[in-house]
Amino acid sequence: MLKARKCVREIAPYRSPWAHVPVDLRLDMNENTTGCSPRVLARLEQLSGNTLAFYPDRERAEKMVAEFLGRSLSEVLLTNGADEGIDLLCRTFLEPDDEMIMVTPTFPMYEIFARSAGARVVGVPAGPDYSFPLSGVLARVNTRTRMIIISNPHNPTGVVASTSDILSVLDKAPEAAILVDEAYYEFYGYTMLDEVGTLPNLFIARTFSKAYGLAGMRLGVLAGPAEHIAMARRVVSPFNINVFAVECLGEALADQEFVQAYITQVRRTREWFREQVEALGFKSWPSHANFILVNLGEHKDEILKRMVGWGIVLRDRPDCPGCVRITIGKQEEMEVVLEALKTARGQFAGKGRQEQPAP
């Protein structure tokens, strides 16, 4: 009887738990609720039937991204979302029984991609208040370590690892590919990108899904030493980037005014929202991304169900006891969420029995 490989059969599939539920406000996937740049929309309207009939020119888009990032073309590979870049690194460097180290809790696709390559996943629990556990990571490095993934800012906590900590990991594991996943870099502002090529085992993953509002176009960037990027190119599909992403990329990069306005709004609204949820009695953590982690306590499951009933979806994080991850949307959207949380809290505190929030 035909069977999938054992490592694949043992993988728990990834999916959004509320993907099938019609909602008014979806704050579980860290998407840009503002949308994309108007210049991107205008470019889409200009596309012709002939443009769609031919395969996309990824190389042209890679030249634009390389110039924008200040890297050589040989150090940059465009990917189908940042996810594909992670998968490509796993397929390029991991042999069966190699080890990949990651800090937990984290983005579940890291484990899925590593295990699909037959590698063993070593999870290192985050430190107090979800801080980066440098000593724990260094202690798990051994001769079988072939990859270490550092989410920075970290998903789902928004906590960051310092540059000195990342450099310590790079120094400790010279035979391993060290991937710094900078999916939320724009909201943080600090990057290791300038060290690419200088540090021989450093890779950076970026995405256009968050700050640029292009999650539906599936466009990411993998940057790394030229000789290693050349190896990753051997296993990537020649047409992995769709024509919409290629044709709209120039306008997305050019409209930095749109991107910066969104980043400023998210940072401002994030800090306001965090203050408000803490005033309600819910613990949260300082974040450098476009989301925050909030501890709703023992009534988390009931509150989530109430929120879904009211058309608001948040991301349950069962790997963080009592916690949900909440994408930061527009100010008026977060005001709706806050009122809903107030109502839900009142219900479970016995302070009210109304069935609908008062946004």
Foldseek 3Di string as FASTA:
>chain_A
DDDDDPLLVPDDDDDFPCPPAFFDAEFAPQFAPVAFDPLLVVLVVVDDPVLQVDFADVLVLLVVVCVLLVHDSLFKDKFQALLVVLLLQLQLWDAAAAEEEEEPDADSSNVVSNSVNNYHYHYFYADVLRHRPLVSLLVPDDPRHAEYEAEACTPPAQYGDDPVSLVVNCVSCVNHQYEYEPQFCVLQVDDPSVCAQVRQRYKYKYGCRHLRRPNVQRIIMIGHHSVSSVSSVVPDDPRRGHSSCSSSVVVSSVPVVSSVVSSVQQVVLVVVLQVLVVVVVWDWHDHSGQKTKIQQPPCLVVLQVLCVVQRYHWADDVSPPRITIGGHYGNVVSVQVSQSSSVVVCVVVVNDDDSYGDD
